[in-house]
Amino acid sequence: VNSGTSVYGIGPERLRQRGTTAHNTVVVDSKDSSEVWSGFRVARRAKPQDLSVRQESAGWIISCAHDGYRRLKGRPLHRRSWDFGEGCLTVYDIIEGDHRHAEAMFHFHPDLTPALGEGNRSGTLTLDGETIMHWRVDKGTPRLEQSTWHPEFGVTLKTRRLAIELESGESSIEFYWTSP
């Protein structure tokens, strides 16, 4: 899930919910990919480019980039691809161009319980005590953090998110619901 919206108007919580870290994407140098301010204002909107959808023998690969960070020093460009295989989804993130720090965010529904595995490079998602999905980070440094989900106006539910610090501008995570 993305974080959703529980408040309108002007204030820090509204800005947080509109910001990039509240979404399932990459944050570069702690900046938003589109500039958001006030309650409803947006400038320098990120624009998608290089969309590709292709079928391969094992499934589908969708990839795209956006220019939302080109305004920063180093003119970084975020590229993401989703590789849909049998029983798995692999998400690859690449930041082209100079930057200091980048993190990929994956927000979980509050009914799911994420857990880090041995060595913190893998983990599970459980629902009602039953493991329904596994994940493994092949590139990047993962950690679990507290977050919130806002399914409707005025509602805030505690949840967790997985943040993956990109290594040399790259991360790769595989979610799988069958044996890898």
N, C-alpha and C. Protein backbone atom coordinates (compact mmCIF):
# COMPACT_ATOMS: atom_id res chain seq x y z
N VAL A 1 0.85 -1.18 0.00
CA VAL A 1 0.00 0.00 0.00
C VAL A 1 0.89 1.24 0.00
N ASN A 2 0.41 2.32 -0.59
CA ASN A 2 1.01 3.61 -0.34
C ASN A 2 0.38 4.14 0.94
N SER A 3 0.86 5.24 1.46
CA SER A 3 0.39 5.69 2.77
C SER A 3 -1.04 6.21 2.79
N GLY A 4 -1.56 6.66 1.66
CA GLY A 4 -2.93 7.18 1.65
C GLY A 4 -2.97 8.59 2.19
N THR A 5 -4.18 9.09 2.38
CA THR A 5 -4.38 10.47 2.83
C THR A 5 -5.39 10.51 3.96
N SER A 6 -5.00 11.09 5.09
CA SER A 6 -5.93 11.22 6.21
C SER A 6 -6.29 12.66 6.52
N VAL A 7 -5.51 13.61 5.97
CA VAL A 7 -5.75 15.03 6.25
C VAL A 7 -5.64 15.84 4.96
N TYR A 8 -6.39 16.95 4.94
CA TYR A 8 -6.26 17.92 3.87
C TYR A 8 -5.89 19.24 4.51
N GLY A 9 -5.61 20.21 3.72
CA GLY A 9 -5.26 21.51 4.26
C GLY A 9 -3.75 21.69 4.27
N ILE A 10 -3.29 22.50 5.21
CA ILE A 10 -1.87 22.85 5.28
C ILE A 10 -1.30 22.38 6.60
N GLY A 11 -0.14 21.74 6.54
CA GLY A 11 0.52 21.32 7.76
C GLY A 11 1.54 20.23 7.50
N PRO A 12 2.37 19.94 8.49
CA PRO A 12 3.45 18.98 8.30
C PRO A 12 2.97 17.56 7.99
N GLU A 13 1.87 17.13 8.60
CA GLU A 13 1.38 15.77 8.33
C GLU A 13 0.86 15.65 6.90
N ARG A 14 0.21 16.66 6.40
CA ARG A 14 -0.25 16.66 5.01
C ARG A 14 0.95 16.58 4.06
N LEU A 15 2.00 17.35 4.33
CA LEU A 15 3.20 17.32 3.50
C LEU A 15 3.88 15.96 3.56
N ARG A 16 3.93 15.35 4.73
CA ARG A 16 4.54 14.02 4.87
C ARG A 16 3.79 12.99 4.05
N GLN A 17 2.46 13.02 4.12
CA GLN A 17 1.66 12.05 3.38
C GLN A 17 1.75 12.25 1.86
N ARG A 18 2.02 13.46 1.42
CA ARG A 18 2.16 13.74 -0.01
C ARG A 18 3.57 13.47 -0.50
N GLY A 19 4.53 13.38 0.40
CA GLY A 19 5.94 13.26 0.04
C GLY A 19 6.31 11.89 -0.53
N THR A 20 7.46 11.84 -1.14
CA THR A 20 7.94 10.62 -1.80
C THR A 20 8.14 9.47 -0.83
N THR A 21 8.62 9.73 0.39
CA THR A 21 8.85 8.63 1.34
C THR A 21 7.56 7.92 1.74
N ALA A 22 6.41 8.53 1.51
CA ALA A 22 5.12 7.90 1.83
C ALA A 22 4.63 7.00 0.71
N HIS A 23 5.45 6.81 -0.32
CA HIS A 23 5.05 6.02 -1.48
C HIS A 23 6.05 4.90 -1.76
N ASN A 24 5.64 3.93 -2.51
CA ASN A 24 6.48 2.78 -2.85
C ASN A 24 7.37 3.12 -4.03
N THR A 25 8.41 3.88 -3.74
CA THR A 25 9.35 4.32 -4.78
C THR A 25 10.68 4.65 -4.13
N VAL A 26 11.56 5.28 -4.87
CA VAL A 26 12.90 5.60 -4.38
C VAL A 26 12.98 7.08 -4.03
N VAL A 27 13.61 7.35 -2.91
CA VAL A 27 13.87 8.71 -2.44
C VAL A 27 15.36 8.98 -2.64
N VAL A 28 15.69 10.06 -3.33
CA VAL A 28 17.08 10.42 -3.59
C VAL A 28 17.44 11.65 -2.78
N ASP A 29 18.52 11.55 -2.03
CA ASP A 29 19.06 12.66 -1.23
C ASP A 29 17.99 13.34 -0.38
N SER A 30 17.06 12.53 0.16
CA SER A 30 16.00 13.00 1.06
C SER A 30 15.09 14.06 0.43
N LYS A 31 14.98 14.06 -0.89
CA LYS A 31 14.15 15.02 -1.60
C LYS A 31 12.93 14.32 -2.20
N ASP A 32 11.87 15.08 -2.43
CA ASP A 32 10.69 14.55 -3.11
C ASP A 32 10.96 14.54 -4.62
N SER A 33 10.39 13.56 -5.31
CA SER A 33 10.58 13.47 -6.76
C SER A 33 9.81 14.56 -7.51
N SER A 34 8.73 15.03 -6.94
CA SER A 34 8.03 16.23 -7.42
C SER A 34 7.98 17.18 -6.23
N GLU A 35 8.13 18.46 -6.48
CA GLU A 35 8.11 19.41 -5.38
C GLU A 35 6.68 19.64 -4.89
N VAL A 36 6.43 19.30 -3.64
CA VAL A 36 5.11 19.52 -3.06
C VAL A 36 5.25 20.55 -1.94
N TRP A 37 4.28 21.44 -1.85
CA TRP A 37 4.25 22.41 -0.76
C TRP A 37 2.81 22.83 -0.54
N SER A 38 2.59 23.53 0.53
CA SER A 38 1.26 23.93 0.94
C SER A 38 0.37 22.69 0.97
N GLY A 39 -0.92 22.86 0.87
CA GLY A 39 -1.82 21.72 0.97
C GLY A 39 -2.05 20.96 -0.32
N PHE A 40 -1.94 21.69 -1.45
CA PHE A 40 -2.31 21.07 -2.73
C PHE A 40 -1.38 21.47 -3.87
N ARG A 41 -0.27 22.14 -3.58
CA ARG A 41 0.59 22.67 -4.63
C ARG A 41 1.66 21.66 -5.05
N VAL A 42 1.96 21.62 -6.35
CA VAL A 42 3.00 20.76 -6.89
C VAL A 42 3.73 21.52 -7.99
N ALA A 43 5.04 21.43 -8.00
CA ALA A 43 5.84 22.03 -9.08
C ALA A 43 6.89 21.02 -9.52
N ARG A 44 7.51 21.30 -10.63
CA ARG A 44 8.53 20.41 -11.18
C ARG A 44 8.13 18.95 -11.03
N ARG A 45 6.99 18.62 -11.59
CA ARG A 45 6.46 17.25 -11.52
C ARG A 45 7.37 16.27 -12.24
N ALA A 46 7.57 15.13 -11.61
CA ALA A 46 8.33 14.06 -12.26
C ALA A 46 7.55 13.58 -13.48
N LYS A 47 8.26 13.42 -14.58
CA LYS A 47 7.63 12.94 -15.81
C LYS A 47 8.23 11.59 -16.19
N PRO A 48 7.36 10.62 -16.50
CA PRO A 48 7.88 9.29 -16.88
C PRO A 48 8.54 9.33 -18.26
N GLN A 49 9.45 8.40 -18.46
CA GLN A 49 10.10 8.25 -19.76
C GLN A 49 10.59 6.81 -19.92
N ASP A 50 10.79 6.42 -21.15
CA ASP A 50 11.35 5.10 -21.49
C ASP A 50 10.50 3.93 -20.99
N LEU A 51 9.19 4.06 -21.04
CA LEU A 51 8.33 2.95 -20.64
C LEU A 51 8.51 1.77 -21.59
N SER A 52 8.66 0.59 -21.01
CA SER A 52 8.81 -0.62 -21.79
C SER A 52 8.02 -1.74 -21.13
N VAL A 53 7.22 -2.44 -21.92
CA VAL A 53 6.49 -3.61 -21.44
C VAL A 53 6.79 -4.73 -22.42
N ARG A 54 7.34 -5.82 -21.90
CA ARG A 54 7.67 -6.92 -22.80
C ARG A 54 7.43 -8.26 -22.12
N GLN A 55 7.01 -9.20 -22.92
CA GLN A 55 6.79 -10.56 -22.43
C GLN A 55 8.02 -11.39 -22.76
N GLU A 56 8.46 -12.15 -21.77
CA GLU A 56 9.57 -13.07 -21.96
C GLU A 56 9.07 -14.46 -21.59
N SER A 57 9.87 -15.46 -21.82
CA SER A 57 9.44 -16.84 -21.59
C SER A 57 8.99 -17.09 -20.15
N ALA A 58 9.64 -16.42 -19.19
CA ALA A 58 9.31 -16.64 -17.78
C ALA A 58 8.24 -15.69 -17.25
N GLY A 59 7.83 -14.70 -18.02
CA GLY A 59 6.82 -13.77 -17.54
C GLY A 59 6.91 -12.43 -18.25
N TRP A 60 6.61 -11.37 -17.51
CA TRP A 60 6.56 -10.01 -18.05
C TRP A 60 7.59 -9.14 -17.34
N ILE A 61 8.15 -8.20 -18.09
CA ILE A 61 9.05 -7.20 -17.52
C ILE A 61 8.53 -5.82 -17.92
N ILE A 62 8.29 -5.00 -16.90
CA ILE A 62 7.84 -3.63 -17.12
C ILE A 62 8.93 -2.73 -16.56
N SER A 63 9.35 -1.75 -17.34
CA SER A 63 10.38 -0.83 -16.85
C SER A 63 10.03 0.59 -17.27
N CYS A 64 10.50 1.53 -16.47
CA CYS A 64 10.24 2.93 -16.74
C CYS A 64 11.22 3.77 -15.92
N ALA A 65 11.38 5.01 -16.31
CA ALA A 65 12.22 5.95 -15.57
C ALA A 65 11.41 7.22 -15.35
N HIS A 66 11.92 8.09 -14.49
CA HIS A 66 11.32 9.42 -14.35
C HIS A 66 12.41 10.45 -14.09
N ASP A 67 12.10 11.68 -14.44
CA ASP A 67 13.08 12.76 -14.37
C ASP A 67 12.91 13.65 -13.13
N GLY A 68 12.22 13.18 -12.14
CA GLY A 68 11.89 14.01 -10.98
C GLY A 68 13.07 14.53 -10.18
N TYR A 69 14.22 13.87 -10.30
CA TYR A 69 15.40 14.31 -9.55
C TYR A 69 16.41 15.04 -10.42
N ARG A 70 16.10 15.30 -11.67
CA ARG A 70 17.04 15.97 -12.58
C ARG A 70 17.37 17.38 -12.10
N ARG A 71 16.52 17.97 -11.26
CA ARG A 71 16.77 19.33 -10.77
C ARG A 71 17.88 19.35 -9.71
N LEU A 72 18.25 18.19 -9.17
CA LEU A 72 19.28 18.11 -8.13
C LEU A 72 20.67 18.12 -8.75
N LYS A 73 21.64 18.49 -7.94
CA LYS A 73 23.03 18.43 -8.38
C LYS A 73 23.34 16.98 -8.79
N GLY A 74 24.01 16.80 -9.89
CA GLY A 74 24.31 15.46 -10.39
C GLY A 74 23.25 14.94 -11.34
N ARG A 75 22.10 15.61 -11.41
CA ARG A 75 20.99 15.30 -12.32
C ARG A 75 20.61 13.82 -12.31
N PRO A 76 20.35 13.23 -11.13
CA PRO A 76 20.02 11.81 -11.07
C PRO A 76 18.71 11.47 -11.80
N LEU A 77 18.68 10.27 -12.35
CA LEU A 77 17.51 9.72 -13.04
C LEU A 77 17.19 8.38 -12.38
N HIS A 78 15.93 8.20 -11.98
CA HIS A 78 15.50 6.94 -11.35
C HIS A 78 14.91 6.02 -12.40
N ARG A 79 15.44 4.80 -12.47
CA ARG A 79 14.89 3.74 -13.32
C ARG A 79 14.44 2.58 -12.44
N ARG A 80 13.25 2.05 -12.73
CA ARG A 80 12.73 0.89 -11.99
C ARG A 80 12.20 -0.11 -12.99
N SER A 81 12.43 -1.37 -12.68
CA SER A 81 11.80 -2.43 -13.48
C SER A 81 11.16 -3.44 -12.55
N TRP A 82 10.04 -3.97 -13.03
CA TRP A 82 9.29 -5.00 -12.32
C TRP A 82 9.33 -6.25 -13.19
N ASP A 83 9.93 -7.30 -12.68
CA ASP A 83 10.06 -8.56 -13.40
C ASP A 83 9.08 -9.55 -12.78
N PHE A 84 7.98 -9.81 -13.49
CA PHE A 84 6.93 -10.71 -13.01
C PHE A 84 7.23 -12.11 -13.51
N GLY A 85 7.69 -12.98 -12.64
CA GLY A 85 7.97 -14.37 -12.99
C GLY A 85 6.93 -15.27 -12.36
N GLU A 86 7.10 -16.55 -12.55
CA GLU A 86 6.17 -17.52 -11.97
C GLU A 86 6.39 -17.57 -10.45
N GLY A 87 5.41 -17.11 -9.71
CA GLY A 87 5.49 -17.14 -8.25
C GLY A 87 6.39 -16.09 -7.64
N CYS A 88 6.80 -15.09 -8.41
CA CYS A 88 7.69 -14.08 -7.83
C CYS A 88 7.59 -12.75 -8.57
N LEU A 89 8.03 -11.72 -7.89
CA LEU A 89 8.15 -10.38 -8.45
C LEU A 89 9.51 -9.84 -8.00
N THR A 90 10.34 -9.44 -8.95
CA THR A 90 11.63 -8.83 -8.63
C THR A 90 11.57 -7.36 -9.04
N VAL A 91 11.95 -6.49 -8.11
CA VAL A 91 11.96 -5.05 -8.35
C VAL A 91 13.41 -4.58 -8.34
N TYR A 92 13.83 -3.98 -9.47
CA TYR A 92 15.17 -3.44 -9.62
C TYR A 92 15.08 -1.93 -9.66
N ASP A 93 15.94 -1.27 -8.91
CA ASP A 93 16.03 0.19 -8.94
C ASP A 93 17.46 0.60 -9.26
N ILE A 94 17.58 1.59 -10.14
CA ILE A 94 18.88 2.14 -10.50
C ILE A 94 18.77 3.66 -10.49
N ILE A 95 19.74 4.31 -9.88
CA ILE A 95 19.85 5.76 -9.95
C ILE A 95 21.06 6.07 -10.81
N GLU A 96 20.81 6.69 -11.95
CA GLU A 96 21.89 7.12 -12.84
C GLU A 96 22.20 8.57 -12.49
N GLY A 97 23.47 8.91 -12.44
CA GLY A 97 23.88 10.26 -12.10
C GLY A 97 24.33 10.36 -10.65
N ASP A 98 25.03 11.41 -10.35
CA ASP A 98 25.58 11.59 -9.01
C ASP A 98 24.49 11.87 -8.00
N HIS A 99 24.65 11.27 -6.82
CA HIS A 99 23.77 11.51 -5.68
C HIS A 99 24.52 11.04 -4.43
N ARG A 100 24.06 11.46 -3.28
CA ARG A 100 24.71 11.06 -2.03
C ARG A 100 24.08 9.81 -1.44
N HIS A 101 22.75 9.70 -1.52
CA HIS A 101 22.05 8.64 -0.80
C HIS A 101 20.73 8.37 -1.48
N ALA A 102 20.33 7.12 -1.54
CA ALA A 102 19.03 6.77 -2.12
C ALA A 102 18.46 5.55 -1.38
N GLU A 103 17.14 5.56 -1.20
CA GLU A 103 16.46 4.45 -0.53
C GLU A 103 15.18 4.09 -1.28
N ALA A 104 14.96 2.80 -1.43
CA ALA A 104 13.71 2.29 -1.99
C ALA A 104 12.77 1.98 -0.83
N MET A 105 11.50 2.39 -0.95
CA MET A 105 10.50 2.19 0.10
C MET A 105 9.45 1.19 -0.36
N PHE A 106 9.08 0.28 0.55
CA PHE A 106 8.01 -0.67 0.31
C PHE A 106 7.12 -0.68 1.56
N HIS A 107 5.93 -0.11 1.43
CA HIS A 107 4.98 0.01 2.54
C HIS A 107 4.06 -1.20 2.56
N PHE A 108 3.84 -1.76 3.76
CA PHE A 108 2.99 -2.95 3.90
C PHE A 108 1.65 -2.59 4.55
N HIS A 109 0.63 -3.30 4.13
CA HIS A 109 -0.70 -3.15 4.74
C HIS A 109 -0.59 -3.51 6.22
N PRO A 110 -1.35 -2.84 7.10
CA PRO A 110 -1.26 -3.11 8.53
C PRO A 110 -1.63 -4.54 8.94
N ASP A 111 -2.39 -5.26 8.12
CA ASP A 111 -2.72 -6.64 8.44
C ASP A 111 -1.55 -7.58 8.23
N LEU A 112 -0.52 -7.13 7.52
CA LEU A 112 0.66 -7.94 7.27
C LEU A 112 1.72 -7.66 8.32
N THR A 113 2.41 -8.71 8.74
CA THR A 113 3.50 -8.56 9.69
C THR A 113 4.81 -8.92 8.99
N PRO A 114 5.64 -7.92 8.70
CA PRO A 114 6.94 -8.20 8.10
C PRO A 114 7.96 -8.56 9.17
N ALA A 115 8.88 -9.44 8.82
CA ALA A 115 9.95 -9.82 9.75
C ALA A 115 11.24 -9.99 8.97
N LEU A 116 12.34 -9.53 9.56
CA LEU A 116 13.65 -9.74 8.97
C LEU A 116 14.14 -11.14 9.31
N GLY A 117 14.79 -11.76 8.35
CA GLY A 117 15.37 -13.08 8.57
C GLY A 117 16.80 -12.96 9.04
N GLU A 118 17.45 -14.10 9.14
CA GLU A 118 18.84 -14.16 9.57
C GLU A 118 19.71 -13.35 8.62
N GLY A 119 20.56 -12.52 9.14
CA GLY A 119 21.44 -11.70 8.33
C GLY A 119 20.77 -10.47 7.75
N ASN A 120 19.49 -10.27 8.04
CA ASN A 120 18.72 -9.09 7.61
C ASN A 120 18.65 -8.90 6.09
N ARG A 121 18.97 -9.90 5.28
CA ARG A 121 18.92 -9.78 3.83
C ARG A 121 17.65 -10.41 3.26
N SER A 122 16.88 -11.04 4.13
CA SER A 122 15.66 -11.70 3.69
C SER A 122 14.61 -11.54 4.79
N GLY A 123 13.40 -11.97 4.47
CA GLY A 123 12.35 -11.86 5.47
C GLY A 123 11.07 -12.50 5.00
N THR A 124 10.04 -12.32 5.81
CA THR A 124 8.74 -12.91 5.52
C THR A 124 7.64 -11.87 5.76
N LEU A 125 6.50 -12.16 5.16
CA LEU A 125 5.27 -11.42 5.45
C LEU A 125 4.26 -12.44 5.93
N THR A 126 3.68 -12.18 7.09
CA THR A 126 2.67 -13.10 7.62
C THR A 126 1.33 -12.38 7.72
N LEU A 127 0.28 -13.16 7.57
CA LEU A 127 -1.10 -12.69 7.70
C LEU A 127 -1.80 -13.67 8.63
N ASP A 128 -2.32 -13.17 9.74
CA ASP A 128 -2.98 -14.02 10.74
C ASP A 128 -2.10 -15.18 11.16
N GLY A 129 -0.78 -14.91 11.32
CA GLY A 129 0.15 -15.92 11.80
C GLY A 129 0.65 -16.89 10.74
N GLU A 130 0.17 -16.78 9.51
CA GLU A 130 0.60 -17.67 8.43
C GLU A 130 1.50 -16.93 7.45
N THR A 131 2.65 -17.51 7.14
CA THR A 131 3.55 -16.90 6.17
C THR A 131 2.93 -16.98 4.79
N ILE A 132 2.77 -15.82 4.15
CA ILE A 132 2.16 -15.79 2.82
C ILE A 132 3.16 -15.38 1.73
N MET A 133 4.28 -14.80 2.16
CA MET A 133 5.26 -14.34 1.18
C MET A 133 6.63 -14.27 1.83
N HIS A 134 7.65 -14.49 1.02
CA HIS A 134 9.04 -14.32 1.43
C HIS A 134 9.63 -13.20 0.58
N TRP A 135 10.70 -12.61 1.05
CA TRP A 135 11.43 -11.63 0.27
C TRP A 135 12.91 -11.78 0.54
N ARG A 136 13.69 -11.39 -0.48
CA ARG A 136 15.15 -11.47 -0.38
C ARG A 136 15.74 -10.27 -1.12
N VAL A 137 16.63 -9.55 -0.43
CA VAL A 137 17.32 -8.42 -1.03
C VAL A 137 18.64 -8.92 -1.59
N ASP A 138 18.79 -8.82 -2.91
CA ASP A 138 20.02 -9.25 -3.56
C ASP A 138 21.04 -8.13 -3.67
N LYS A 139 20.57 -6.88 -3.68
CA LYS A 139 21.49 -5.74 -3.69
C LYS A 139 20.83 -4.62 -2.91
N GLY A 140 21.57 -4.06 -1.98
CA GLY A 140 21.06 -3.02 -1.11
C GLY A 140 21.08 -3.47 0.34
N THR A 141 20.82 -2.53 1.23
CA THR A 141 20.83 -2.81 2.67
C THR A 141 19.44 -2.55 3.23
N PRO A 142 18.72 -3.62 3.63
CA PRO A 142 17.34 -3.44 4.10
C PRO A 142 17.23 -3.17 5.60
N ARG A 143 16.14 -2.51 5.97
CA ARG A 143 15.78 -2.36 7.38
C ARG A 143 14.26 -2.15 7.44
N LEU A 144 13.65 -2.57 8.53
CA LEU A 144 12.22 -2.35 8.75
C LEU A 144 12.04 -1.11 9.60
N GLU A 145 11.02 -0.31 9.27
CA GLU A 145 10.75 0.93 9.98
C GLU A 145 9.26 1.02 10.29
N GLN A 146 8.95 1.82 11.31
CA GLN A 146 7.56 2.14 11.59
C GLN A 146 7.04 3.08 10.51
N SER A 147 5.77 2.95 10.20
CA SER A 147 5.13 3.83 9.24
C SER A 147 3.65 3.92 9.59
N THR A 148 2.89 4.60 8.76
CA THR A 148 1.44 4.69 8.98
C THR A 148 0.73 4.51 7.65
N TRP A 149 -0.51 4.06 7.74
CA TRP A 149 -1.37 3.91 6.56
C TRP A 149 -2.66 4.67 6.86
N HIS A 150 -3.17 5.35 5.84
CA HIS A 150 -4.36 6.19 6.00
C HIS A 150 -5.39 5.77 4.95
N PRO A 151 -6.23 4.78 5.26
CA PRO A 151 -7.17 4.27 4.26
C PRO A 151 -8.29 5.23 3.91
N GLU A 152 -8.53 6.21 4.78
CA GLU A 152 -9.58 7.20 4.51
C GLU A 152 -9.32 8.43 5.37
N PHE A 153 -10.05 9.49 5.08
CA PHE A 153 -9.89 10.74 5.77
C PHE A 153 -10.07 10.55 7.28
N GLY A 154 -9.15 11.08 8.06
CA GLY A 154 -9.25 11.03 9.52
C GLY A 154 -8.81 9.73 10.16
N VAL A 155 -8.32 8.76 9.37
CA VAL A 155 -7.92 7.45 9.91
C VAL A 155 -6.42 7.26 9.75
N THR A 156 -5.76 6.90 10.85
CA THR A 156 -4.33 6.60 10.85
C THR A 156 -4.13 5.25 11.51
N LEU A 157 -3.50 4.32 10.77
CA LEU A 157 -3.19 2.99 11.29
C LEU A 157 -1.69 2.77 11.26
N LYS A 158 -1.15 2.20 12.33
CA LYS A 158 0.27 1.91 12.37
C LYS A 158 0.58 0.73 11.47
N THR A 159 1.71 0.82 10.79
CA THR A 159 2.16 -0.26 9.92
C THR A 159 3.68 -0.22 9.86
N ARG A 160 4.25 -1.04 8.98
CA ARG A 160 5.71 -1.09 8.80
C ARG A 160 6.03 -0.89 7.32
N ARG A 161 7.24 -0.44 7.09
CA ARG A 161 7.73 -0.37 5.71
C ARG A 161 9.15 -0.94 5.69
N LEU A 162 9.50 -1.44 4.52
CA LEU A 162 10.85 -1.92 4.29
C LEU A 162 11.57 -0.83 3.51
N ALA A 163 12.68 -0.35 4.05
CA ALA A 163 13.51 0.64 3.37
C ALA A 163 14.80 -0.06 2.97
N ILE A 164 15.19 0.10 1.71
CA ILE A 164 16.41 -0.52 1.22
C ILE A 164 17.35 0.58 0.75
N GLU A 165 18.48 0.70 1.42
CA GLU A 165 19.49 1.67 1.00
C GLU A 165 20.18 1.12 -0.24
N LEU A 166 20.17 1.90 -1.32
CA LEU A 166 20.79 1.47 -2.56
C LEU A 166 22.31 1.41 -2.39
N GLU A 167 22.93 0.41 -3.01
CA GLU A 167 24.38 0.26 -3.01
C GLU A 167 24.89 0.63 -4.39
N SER A 168 25.80 1.59 -4.45
CA SER A 168 26.33 2.07 -5.74
C SER A 168 25.20 2.41 -6.70
N GLY A 169 24.14 2.99 -6.15
CA GLY A 169 23.02 3.43 -6.97
C GLY A 169 22.07 2.34 -7.43
N GLU A 170 22.11 1.15 -6.81
CA GLU A 170 21.27 0.05 -7.24
C GLU A 170 20.68 -0.72 -6.05
N SER A 171 19.49 -1.27 -6.29
CA SER A 171 18.91 -2.23 -5.34
C SER A 171 18.11 -3.26 -6.14
N SER A 172 17.95 -4.42 -5.51
CA SER A 172 17.17 -5.50 -6.12
C SER A 172 16.53 -6.30 -4.99
N ILE A 173 15.23 -6.48 -5.08
CA ILE A 173 14.50 -7.29 -4.09
C ILE A 173 13.57 -8.23 -4.83
N GLU A 174 13.50 -9.46 -4.34
CA GLU A 174 12.59 -10.45 -4.91
C GLU A 174 11.56 -10.81 -3.85
N PHE A 175 10.28 -10.67 -4.23
CA PHE A 175 9.17 -11.14 -3.40
C PHE A 175 8.71 -12.45 -4.03
N TYR A 176 8.59 -13.51 -3.24
CA TYR A 176 8.14 -14.78 -3.82
C TYR A 176 7.18 -15.50 -2.88
N TRP A 177 6.24 -16.17 -3.49
CA TRP A 177 5.22 -16.87 -2.75
C TRP A 177 5.27 -18.36 -3.02
N THR A 178 6.31 -18.80 -3.69
CA THR A 178 6.64 -20.22 -3.83
C THR A 178 8.14 -20.33 -3.59
N SER A 179 8.65 -21.53 -3.51
CA SER A 179 10.08 -21.70 -3.30
C SER A 179 10.87 -21.04 -4.42
N PRO A 180 11.94 -20.29 -4.05
CA PRO A 180 12.71 -19.59 -5.09
C PRO A 180 13.55 -20.57 -5.91
